[in-house]
Protein backbone atom coordinates (compact mmCIF):
# COMPACT_ATOMS: atom_id res chain seq x y z
CA MET A 1 19.17 154.36 116.21
CA ALA A 2 19.15 151.32 118.44
CA PRO A 3 17.12 151.59 121.65
CA ASP A 4 20.15 151.36 123.94
CA TYR A 5 22.37 153.75 121.97
CA ASN A 6 22.06 156.32 124.78
CA SER A 7 24.06 154.09 127.13
CA LEU A 8 27.01 154.33 124.72
CA ARG A 9 26.57 158.08 124.47
CA ARG A 10 26.48 158.51 128.25
CA LEU A 11 29.60 156.38 128.65
CA ALA A 12 31.54 158.41 126.09
CA LEU A 13 30.47 161.78 127.45
CA ALA A 14 31.26 160.77 131.05
CA ALA A 15 34.78 159.69 130.07
CA ILE A 16 35.35 163.01 128.33
CA HIS A 17 33.91 165.00 131.24
CA ASP A 18 36.18 163.13 133.68
CA ARG A 19 39.20 163.76 131.42
CA VAL A 20 39.89 160.09 130.85
CA ILE A 21 40.16 160.99 127.15
CA PRO A 22 39.90 164.26 125.18
CA GLY A 23 37.32 162.74 122.84
CA LEU A 24 36.67 159.73 120.65
CA VAL A 25 35.16 158.49 117.43
CA ILE A 26 33.29 155.19 117.43
CA ALA A 27 31.84 153.09 114.65
CA ALA A 28 30.11 149.73 114.51
CA GLY A 29 28.23 147.76 111.93
CA ARG A 30 27.05 144.40 110.72
CA ALA A 31 27.11 142.65 107.35
CA GLY A 32 28.66 145.62 105.58
CA LYS A 33 26.19 148.18 106.94
CA VAL A 34 27.26 151.04 109.21
CA GLN A 35 24.96 151.25 112.22
CA ILE A 36 26.94 153.58 114.49
CA LEU A 37 29.22 156.41 113.39
CA GLU A 38 29.65 159.14 115.98
CA ALA A 39 32.27 161.58 117.28
CA PHE A 40 32.39 162.95 120.82
CA GLY A 41 34.46 165.62 122.52
CA GLN A 42 37.72 167.07 121.29
CA ARG A 43 40.47 165.83 119.02
CA GLN A 44 42.88 168.13 120.86
CA LEU A 45 43.09 170.15 124.06
CA ASP A 46 46.58 171.63 123.66
CA PRO A 47 47.35 174.32 122.56
CA GLU A 48 43.62 175.03 122.21
CA PRO A 49 40.49 172.89 122.00
CA ALA A 50 39.37 171.55 118.62
CA PRO A 51 36.46 169.16 118.06
CA ALA A 52 36.67 165.53 117.03
CA THR A 53 34.69 164.59 113.93
CA VAL A 54 33.99 161.34 112.13
CA ASP A 55 36.73 162.35 109.65
CA THR A 56 39.45 163.00 112.23
CA ILE A 57 42.70 161.20 111.51
CA TYR A 58 44.36 159.35 114.40
CA ASP A 59 47.78 157.82 114.98
CA LEU A 60 46.77 154.16 114.86
CA ALA A 61 50.04 152.98 116.42
CA SER A 62 50.02 149.19 116.88
CA LEU A 63 46.95 148.70 114.71
CA THR A 64 49.70 148.86 112.05
CA LYS A 65 50.65 145.31 113.03
CA ALA A 66 47.23 143.91 112.10
CA VAL A 67 46.03 146.29 109.40
CA VAL A 68 49.29 146.53 107.43
CA THR A 69 51.95 144.02 108.43
CA SER A 70 49.73 140.98 108.93
CA LEU A 71 47.68 141.70 105.82
CA LEU A 72 50.79 142.16 103.67
CA VAL A 73 52.14 138.84 104.94
CA MET A 74 48.79 137.31 103.95
CA LYS A 75 49.31 138.72 100.44
CA GLY A 76 52.82 137.27 100.40
CA VAL A 77 51.51 133.85 101.44
CA GLU A 78 48.86 134.04 98.73
CA ASN A 79 51.38 134.68 95.97
CA GLY A 80 53.94 132.21 97.30
CA ARG A 81 56.63 134.73 98.18
CA LEU A 82 56.26 134.06 101.89
CA HIS A 83 55.81 130.83 103.85
CA LEU A 84 54.65 130.86 107.45
CA ASP A 85 56.90 128.07 108.73
CA ARG A 86 60.12 129.25 107.16
CA PRO A 87 62.72 131.22 109.15
CA LEU A 88 62.87 134.98 108.81
CA GLY A 89 66.52 134.38 107.94
CA ASP A 90 65.42 133.05 104.53
CA HIS A 91 64.86 136.69 103.59
CA LEU A 92 66.90 138.61 106.16
CA GLU A 93 70.59 137.72 106.10
CA MET A 94 71.08 139.17 109.58
CA LEU A 95 68.85 136.39 111.00
CA LYS A 96 70.19 133.43 109.06
CA ASP A 97 71.75 131.93 112.21
CA ARG A 98 68.39 131.92 114.07
CA PRO A 99 66.30 129.29 112.24
CA ALA A 100 63.82 128.89 115.13
CA ILE A 101 62.51 132.43 114.48
CA THR A 102 59.84 131.65 111.91
CA LEU A 103 57.28 133.91 110.30
CA ARG A 104 54.43 132.15 112.09
CA ARG A 105 56.05 132.53 115.51
CA VAL A 106 56.89 136.19 115.04
CA LEU A 107 53.34 136.97 113.90
CA ALA A 108 52.11 135.33 117.12
CA HIS A 109 54.57 137.32 119.27
CA ALA A 110 56.33 134.04 120.02
CA GLY A 111 59.64 134.69 118.27
CA GLY A 112 61.63 134.92 121.48
CA PHE A 113 62.01 138.70 121.53
CA PRO A 114 61.78 140.80 124.71
CA ALA A 115 58.86 143.14 125.23
CA HIS A 116 60.49 146.43 124.21
CA ARG A 117 63.77 148.16 123.53
CA LYS A 118 64.44 151.89 123.15
CA PHE A 119 66.65 151.55 120.10
CA TYR A 120 66.30 155.29 119.46
CA GLU A 121 68.42 155.83 122.61
CA SER A 122 71.19 153.47 121.48
CA ASP A 123 74.19 154.94 119.69
CA LEU A 124 72.14 157.41 117.65
CA THR A 125 73.82 160.81 117.55
CA LYS A 126 70.37 162.40 117.31
CA VAL A 127 66.84 161.03 117.52
CA GLU A 128 65.62 162.06 114.10
CA PRO A 129 64.19 160.32 111.03
CA SER A 130 66.79 159.09 108.57
CA GLN A 131 67.42 156.19 106.26
CA ALA A 132 70.51 155.34 108.29
CA ASN A 133 68.49 155.23 111.50
CA ARG A 134 65.88 153.09 109.76
CA ALA A 135 68.52 150.49 108.95
CA PHE A 136 70.07 150.85 112.41
CA VAL A 137 66.82 150.02 114.25
CA VAL A 138 66.31 146.90 112.11
CA GLU A 139 69.88 145.77 112.76
CA LYS A 140 69.51 146.32 116.50
CA ALA A 141 66.25 144.34 116.57
CA ALA A 142 67.90 141.45 114.70
CA ALA A 143 70.87 141.40 117.07
CA GLU A 144 68.81 141.54 120.28
CA PRO A 145 69.41 138.54 122.58
CA LEU A 146 66.33 136.35 122.82
CA ALA A 147 64.35 136.35 126.05
CA TYR A 148 62.90 132.82 125.71
CA GLU A 149 62.84 129.84 123.37
CA PRO A 150 60.88 130.71 120.22
CA GLY A 151 57.45 129.07 120.21
CA SER A 152 57.43 128.28 123.91
CA ARG A 153 55.41 131.32 124.99
CA SER A 154 54.13 134.67 123.75
CA ILE A 155 55.39 138.09 124.85
CA TYR A 156 53.92 141.06 123.04
CA SER A 157 56.87 142.76 121.36
CA ASP A 158 57.49 145.37 118.69
CA LEU A 159 60.85 143.87 117.77
CA GLY A 160 59.51 141.02 115.69
CA PHE A 161 57.23 143.34 113.74
CA ILE A 162 60.07 145.75 113.04
CA LEU A 163 61.81 142.76 111.45
CA LEU A 164 58.64 141.64 109.65
CA GLY A 165 58.41 145.07 108.05
CA ALA A 166 61.96 144.72 106.77
CA LEU A 167 61.26 141.16 105.58
CA ILE A 168 58.17 142.27 103.63
CA GLU A 169 60.17 144.99 101.92
CA GLN A 170 62.92 142.54 101.02
CA ALA A 171 60.56 139.85 99.75
CA MET A 172 58.22 142.17 97.83
CA SER A 173 60.82 144.65 96.53
CA ALA A 174 59.16 147.87 97.69
CA ARG A 175 58.86 149.99 100.80
CA LEU A 176 56.14 149.15 103.31
CA ASP A 177 54.05 152.27 102.67
CA VAL A 178 54.13 151.72 98.91
CA LEU A 179 53.07 148.09 99.30
CA ALA A 180 50.26 149.01 101.69
CA GLU A 181 48.87 151.54 99.21
CA ARG A 182 49.19 149.23 96.22
CA LEU A 183 48.00 145.95 97.72
CA LEU A 184 45.67 146.98 100.56
CA PHE A 185 44.28 150.50 100.46
CA GLN A 186 43.89 151.35 96.77
CA PRO A 187 42.04 148.14 95.84
CA LEU A 188 39.41 148.98 98.49
CA GLY A 189 39.36 152.72 97.80
CA LEU A 190 40.63 153.56 101.28
CA SER A 191 41.92 157.12 100.99
CA SER A 192 42.43 158.03 104.66
CA LEU A 193 44.77 155.17 105.63
CA GLY A 194 48.49 155.61 105.16
CA PHE A 195 51.89 156.39 106.60
CA VAL A 196 53.38 159.84 107.18
CA ASP A 197 56.75 159.74 105.43
CA LEU A 198 59.05 161.71 107.73
CA LEU A 199 62.00 161.04 105.41
CA ALA A 200 60.27 163.30 102.89
CA GLY A 201 59.24 166.07 105.29
CA ALA A 202 57.78 166.99 108.66
CA GLY A 203 54.37 165.94 109.91
CA ALA A 204 51.43 168.29 109.51
CA ALA A 205 48.12 169.16 111.14
CA ARG A 206 46.23 167.71 108.18
CA PHE A 207 46.56 164.34 106.47
CA ARG A 208 44.96 163.72 103.09
CA GLY A 209 42.55 166.58 103.57
CA HIS A 210 41.48 165.83 107.14
CA ASP A 211 42.44 167.18 110.56
CA VAL A 212 44.84 165.06 112.62
CA ALA A 213 44.49 164.41 116.35
CA PRO A 214 47.76 165.12 118.19
CA THR A 215 49.31 162.82 120.76
CA GLU A 216 51.58 163.89 123.60
CA ARG A 217 53.84 166.86 124.18
CA CYS A 218 56.92 164.71 123.80
CA PRO A 219 59.86 165.33 126.18
CA VAL A 220 62.35 163.73 123.74
CA ARG A 221 61.30 165.81 120.73
CA GLY A 222 60.41 168.86 122.80
CA ARG A 223 57.12 169.57 121.04
CA LEU A 224 53.51 168.55 120.67
CA ILE A 225 53.36 165.54 118.35
CA LEU A 226 51.00 166.37 115.51
CA GLY A 227 50.91 164.49 112.23
CA GLU A 228 54.00 162.42 112.96
CA VAL A 229 54.22 158.98 114.54
CA HIS A 230 54.26 158.91 118.33
CA ASP A 231 56.39 155.77 118.71
CA LEU A 232 60.03 156.85 118.89
CA ASN A 233 61.53 153.77 117.24
CA ALA A 234 59.14 154.28 114.32
CA PHE A 235 59.97 158.01 114.35
CA ALA A 236 63.69 157.24 113.99
CA MET A 237 62.75 154.91 111.11
CA GLY A 238 61.09 157.77 109.25
CA GLY A 239 57.53 156.96 110.28
CA ILE A 240 57.30 153.81 108.17
CA ALA A 241 57.66 150.56 110.12
CA GLY A 242 56.06 147.18 110.62
CA HIS A 243 55.08 147.82 114.22
CA ALA A 244 53.73 151.40 114.09
CA GLY A 245 53.30 154.42 111.83
CA LEU A 246 49.87 153.98 110.29
CA PHE A 247 47.46 156.93 110.41
CA GLY A 248 43.82 156.84 109.41
CA GLY A 249 40.16 157.56 109.88
CA ILE A 250 37.39 155.41 111.25
CA LYS A 251 35.29 155.07 108.09
CA ASP A 252 38.09 153.36 106.19
CA LEU A 253 38.92 151.07 109.11
CA LEU A 254 35.31 149.95 109.30
CA HIS A 255 35.17 149.46 105.52
CA LEU A 256 38.35 147.37 105.66
CA SER A 257 36.84 145.30 108.48
CA PHE A 258 33.74 144.65 106.36
CA ALA A 259 35.93 143.56 103.43
CA LEU A 260 37.78 141.12 105.67
CA CYS A 261 34.51 139.71 107.02
CA ALA A 262 33.27 139.19 103.47
CA ALA A 263 36.55 137.48 102.54
CA PHE A 264 36.22 135.17 105.54
CA HIS A 265 33.01 133.90 103.93
CA GLY A 266 34.54 133.72 100.45
CA ARG A 267 32.93 136.92 99.13
CA GLY A 268 34.38 140.05 97.63
CA VAL A 269 33.29 143.66 97.88
CA ASP A 270 30.61 144.64 95.33
CA GLY A 271 30.71 141.22 93.73
CA GLY A 272 34.47 141.10 93.18
CA ALA A 273 37.00 138.54 94.31
CA PRO A 274 37.63 138.17 98.06
CA PHE A 275 40.13 140.72 99.35
CA VAL A 276 42.13 137.84 100.85
CA ARG A 277 41.64 134.18 99.99
CA PRO A 278 39.39 132.76 102.74
CA GLU A 279 41.64 129.82 103.56
CA VAL A 280 44.58 132.20 104.14
CA LEU A 281 42.55 134.61 106.24
CA ARG A 282 41.09 131.80 108.32
CA GLU A 283 44.55 130.42 109.07
CA PHE A 284 45.78 133.83 110.23
CA TRP A 285 42.68 134.38 112.35
CA HIS A 286 42.76 130.95 113.99
CA PRO A 287 44.40 130.81 117.46
CA ALA A 288 48.13 130.41 116.96
CA GLY A 289 48.40 127.62 119.53
CA ILE A 290 51.04 129.27 121.71
CA PRO A 291 50.68 128.07 125.35
CA GLY A 292 48.73 130.52 127.49
CA SER A 293 48.21 132.96 124.63
CA THR A 294 45.17 134.37 122.81
CA ARG A 295 47.29 135.50 119.85
CA ARG A 296 46.41 134.91 116.24
CA LEU A 297 48.87 135.66 113.41
CA GLY A 298 49.31 139.41 113.63
CA TRP A 299 46.03 139.77 115.51
CA ASP A 300 44.74 139.00 118.98
CA GLY A 301 41.65 137.31 120.36
CA PRO A 302 39.61 138.03 123.48
CA SER A 303 40.73 136.32 126.66
CA ALA A 304 38.17 134.18 128.46
CA GLN A 305 37.85 136.64 131.35
CA GLY A 306 38.66 140.31 131.77
CA SER A 307 39.31 140.97 128.10
CA LEU A 308 39.80 144.54 126.89
CA ALA A 309 37.58 143.51 123.98
CA GLY A 310 34.69 143.33 126.45
CA SER A 311 32.50 140.56 127.73
CA LEU A 312 30.01 140.37 124.84
CA ILE A 313 32.04 139.70 121.73
CA SER A 314 32.59 136.09 120.70
CA ARG A 315 35.78 134.52 122.03
CA ARG A 316 36.40 133.54 118.39
CA ALA A 317 36.61 137.21 117.40
CA VAL A 318 39.85 138.91 116.36
CA GLY A 319 41.18 142.39 116.92
CA HIS A 320 43.97 144.62 118.10
CA LEU A 321 44.66 147.52 120.45
CA SER A 322 47.04 150.46 120.25
CA PHE A 323 49.04 152.39 122.83
CA THR A 324 47.54 155.66 121.61
CA GLY A 325 44.06 154.41 122.55
CA CYS A 326 42.61 152.97 119.34
CA SER A 327 41.01 149.54 118.99
CA LEU A 328 39.46 147.32 116.33
CA TRP A 329 37.43 144.14 116.94
CA ILE A 330 35.82 141.84 114.41
CA ASP A 331 33.49 138.87 114.79
CA PRO A 332 33.92 137.38 111.30
CA GLU A 333 31.31 134.69 111.81
CA GLN A 334 28.58 137.27 112.46
CA GLU A 335 30.28 139.93 110.31
CA THR A 336 30.09 142.42 113.17
CA CYS A 337 32.78 145.06 113.69
CA VAL A 338 33.48 147.79 116.24
CA VAL A 339 36.18 150.46 115.96
CA VAL A 340 37.17 153.04 118.57
CA LEU A 341 39.63 155.84 117.80
CA THR A 342 40.93 158.13 120.53
CA ASN A 343 44.17 159.83 121.55
CA ARG A 344 44.17 158.97 125.23
CA ILE A 345 47.86 160.07 125.44
CA HIS A 346 47.03 163.71 124.64
CA PRO A 347 48.36 166.01 125.96
CA GLU A 348 50.50 163.64 128.05
CA VAL A 349 51.01 159.92 128.55
CA ARG A 350 49.29 158.71 131.70
CA ASP A 351 48.83 155.25 133.14
CA ASP A 352 45.14 155.73 133.90
CA PRO A 353 43.27 152.61 135.08
CA ARG A 354 40.03 154.36 134.14
CA PHE A 355 40.95 154.04 130.47
CA ARG A 356 41.59 150.34 130.88
CA ALA A 357 38.04 150.03 132.24
CA LEU A 358 36.63 152.29 129.52
CA ARG A 359 37.81 150.18 126.59
CA PRO A 360 35.76 147.02 127.23
CA ALA A 361 32.78 149.10 128.35
CA LEU A 362 32.77 150.99 125.05
CA HIS A 363 33.03 147.79 123.02
CA ASP A 364 30.18 146.19 124.97
CA ALA A 365 27.96 149.28 124.69
CA ALA A 366 28.52 149.56 120.94
CA LEU A 367 27.77 145.87 120.38
CA GLN A 368 24.62 146.13 122.49
CA ALA A 369 23.54 149.13 120.43
CA VAL A 370 23.72 147.17 117.17
CA GLY A 371 21.81 144.22 118.66
CA TYR A 372 24.80 141.88 118.76
CA ARG A 373 24.50 138.50 120.44
CA ALA A 374 27.55 136.28 120.59
CA GLY A 375 27.07 132.95 118.85
């Protein structure tokens, strides 16, 4: 245990005591070795308390964009099925008249789309998972008027990633969850990462043998959300979408991060081939070049000042955040990774500035504990 590990512990316990979060799980490591793996507090408070453990499954929300959608596009680029500078309309007929919306721009949140739309409230007779609603949300995203000229700026938006999910399915001839299992999770032996298929049945309190942390008591669905995606557009889509829907545990996320770090340096796991070709991964993880933006392709980078990634991690690092409270940051050059999983929206969604302050403090404390020094 690193000498300053107690500062991380105190920070986590104080946030739980002050009800900033119910609990959390945190992991960090370097060069493929786990150095921190710890759970604090509760995975749920409502209807009764239950402890968080290092095996607790969380709704990873927008980590889906980086961990599934971006990585599947990388695989498509590798095998020549996808090309970053071609229009999405090459694969999606509904976008054929919008050639400026390219794969590269959408990955960088620069496709011209507005920040958010509640498609689940538009013309649906009932907000429930269905194949028809899945197609409806994609069609609505494709028809949405653009908010700015593609490539001129970056506005974080789910809409482009909803369309990327549909594009991946069209180009690779399988559903997103099937592709993620086949191309991403199974090759690395990641058993706790996956989508909850709400088209096949309701969510449950356990996922692949592990307890699930609930999110809010949802006013639209009229129940505590447990084992089903929190995001309502993704819910209407059956829980399987390019912008949200992934569930998982912290051990597998850290293992995936290690595999990506190794690939960045041209190495595979256990002597195998790199998980992603290094030249492809490096292109995706390089700043996208959008004015005023820290975005990479499907990932983000720390801003120069006031970053939610913290003040310690290299500004060349990559990562992503989620609305539910989860975060993942990777310094590929030093092969250092930190993952935080929490359900800060349980039992209700709150705009709590204390959580915004907690995120970078946790990342900094974890990196200090593993002896990290930015290069």
